[in-house]
Amino acid sequence: MALEIENSVADHLPSVVKEALSKMPPEKQSQFVEDYKRKSKSFGLMLALAIFFPIQLFLLGKTGLGVAYLLTAGGCGIWWIVEIFLTKGRVNSFNEDLARTLMRDMKIMS
């Protein structure tokens, strides 16, 4: 079997997930892509939230950091500036973890 998913999705997946997906039938691949698209986070949206309404840490599963961020008012603005640069890495990490979790759950359910 071959990997039959969109390049825009495949570019963001870890190689381990791509390899496991290529061994699955097309209907399972499309189910994975549908779940991934529904649950993954957009870098642009998370960056906009980081700049204007800093709740991105909560949405990315970093609740403790989010509370600390809000309690310190973004480290008096310093943490706010740093967070703008860290958001891309946090989003990529979240989406990669999501892809691995979805793949693991699909294997368990099979």
Protein backbone atom coordinates (compact mmCIF):
# COMPACT_ATOMS: atom_id res chain seq x y z
CA MET A 1 0.00 0.00 0.00
CA ALA A 2 1.04 3.59 -0.54
CA LEU A 3 0.55 6.80 1.34
CA GLU A 4 -2.60 8.38 -0.12
CA ILE A 5 -2.97 11.60 1.84
CA GLU A 6 -2.65 15.25 0.90
CA ASN A 7 0.88 16.66 0.79
CA SER A 8 -0.20 19.57 2.98
CA VAL A 9 -0.98 17.09 5.77
CA ALA A 10 1.89 14.69 5.06
CA ASP A 11 4.44 17.50 5.33
CA HIS A 12 3.51 18.05 8.97
CA LEU A 13 3.56 14.40 10.07
CA PRO A 14 6.50 12.64 11.73
CA SER A 15 8.16 9.99 9.54
CA VAL A 16 7.08 7.21 11.92
CA VAL A 17 3.43 8.16 11.43
CA LYS A 18 3.84 8.40 7.65
CA GLU A 19 5.38 4.94 7.56
CA ALA A 20 2.57 3.45 9.66
CA LEU A 21 -0.06 5.19 7.53
CA SER A 22 1.43 3.82 4.32
CA LYS A 23 0.74 0.30 5.63
CA MET A 24 -2.95 1.05 6.21
CA PRO A 25 -5.80 0.85 3.71
CA PRO A 26 -6.96 4.10 2.07
CA GLU A 27 -10.15 4.35 4.16
CA LYS A 28 -8.12 4.23 7.40
CA GLN A 29 -5.74 6.85 6.00
CA SER A 30 -8.63 9.17 5.19
CA GLN A 31 -10.09 8.60 8.66
CA PHE A 32 -6.73 9.56 10.19
CA VAL A 33 -6.49 12.71 8.03
CA GLU A 34 -10.04 13.74 8.96
CA ASP A 35 -9.33 13.34 12.71
CA TYR A 36 -5.95 15.07 12.39
CA LYS A 37 -7.39 18.07 10.55
CA ARG A 38 -10.20 18.39 13.10
CA LYS A 39 -7.94 18.28 16.16
CA SER A 40 -4.70 19.90 14.98
CA LYS A 41 -3.93 23.52 15.77
CA SER A 42 -3.22 26.24 13.22
CA PHE A 43 0.02 28.17 13.66
CA GLY A 44 -1.56 31.40 12.38
CA LEU A 45 -4.43 31.23 14.83
CA MET A 46 -2.19 30.36 17.77
CA LEU A 47 0.17 33.22 16.88
CA ALA A 48 -2.74 35.66 16.69
CA LEU A 49 -3.92 34.46 20.08
CA ALA A 50 -0.39 34.80 21.50
CA ILE A 51 -0.27 38.41 20.34
CA PHE A 52 -3.79 39.64 21.09
CA PHE A 53 -5.43 37.34 23.67
CA PRO A 54 -2.87 35.01 25.25
CA ILE A 55 -4.80 31.78 25.77
CA GLN A 56 -2.74 29.72 23.31
CA LEU A 57 -0.95 27.86 26.11
CA PHE A 58 -4.26 26.51 27.41
CA LEU A 59 -5.29 25.41 23.91
CA LEU A 60 -1.96 23.65 23.41
CA GLY A 61 -2.34 21.67 26.64
CA LYS A 62 0.13 23.73 28.69
CA THR A 63 -2.31 24.69 31.45
CA GLY A 64 0.32 25.23 34.15
CA LEU A 65 2.31 27.58 31.93
CA GLY A 66 -0.88 29.34 30.93
CA VAL A 67 -1.83 30.02 34.54
CA ALA A 68 1.69 31.24 35.35
CA TYR A 69 1.62 33.43 32.24
CA LEU A 70 -1.65 35.07 33.24
CA LEU A 71 -0.70 35.48 36.91
CA THR A 72 2.54 37.25 36.00
CA ALA A 73 0.86 39.33 33.26
CA GLY A 74 3.11 37.74 30.69
CA GLY A 75 6.18 38.25 32.84
CA CYS A 76 5.46 41.99 32.76
CA GLY A 77 5.52 41.84 28.98
CA ILE A 78 8.86 40.07 28.57
CA TRP A 79 7.35 36.58 28.48
CA TRP A 80 4.74 37.88 26.02
CA ILE A 81 7.48 38.81 23.53
CA VAL A 82 9.30 35.51 24.02
CA GLU A 83 6.05 33.55 23.65
CA ILE A 84 5.52 35.02 20.17
CA PHE A 85 8.75 33.33 19.05
CA LEU A 86 8.07 30.05 20.91
CA THR A 87 4.56 29.56 19.54
CA LYS A 88 5.61 27.93 16.24
CA GLY A 89 7.61 25.23 18.03
CA ARG A 90 4.81 24.63 20.53
CA VAL A 91 2.24 24.23 17.74
CA ASN A 92 4.49 21.85 15.78
CA SER A 93 5.13 19.79 18.90
CA PHE A 94 1.41 19.66 19.73
CA ASN A 95 0.50 18.54 16.20
CA GLU A 96 3.24 15.87 16.11
CA ASP A 97 2.10 14.49 19.47
CA LEU A 98 -1.48 14.53 18.20
CA ALA A 99 -0.50 12.56 15.08
CA ARG A 100 1.30 9.93 17.20
CA THR A 101 -1.66 9.67 19.58
CA LEU A 102 -4.16 9.29 16.75
CA MET A 103 -1.99 6.61 15.13
CA ARG A 104 -1.64 4.74 18.42
CA ASP A 105 -5.39 4.87 19.01
CA MET A 106 -6.11 3.63 15.48
CA LYS A 107 -3.75 0.68 15.98
CA ILE A 108 -5.37 -0.18 19.31
CA MET A 109 -8.85 -0.07 17.83
CA SER A 110 -7.88 -2.27 14.86
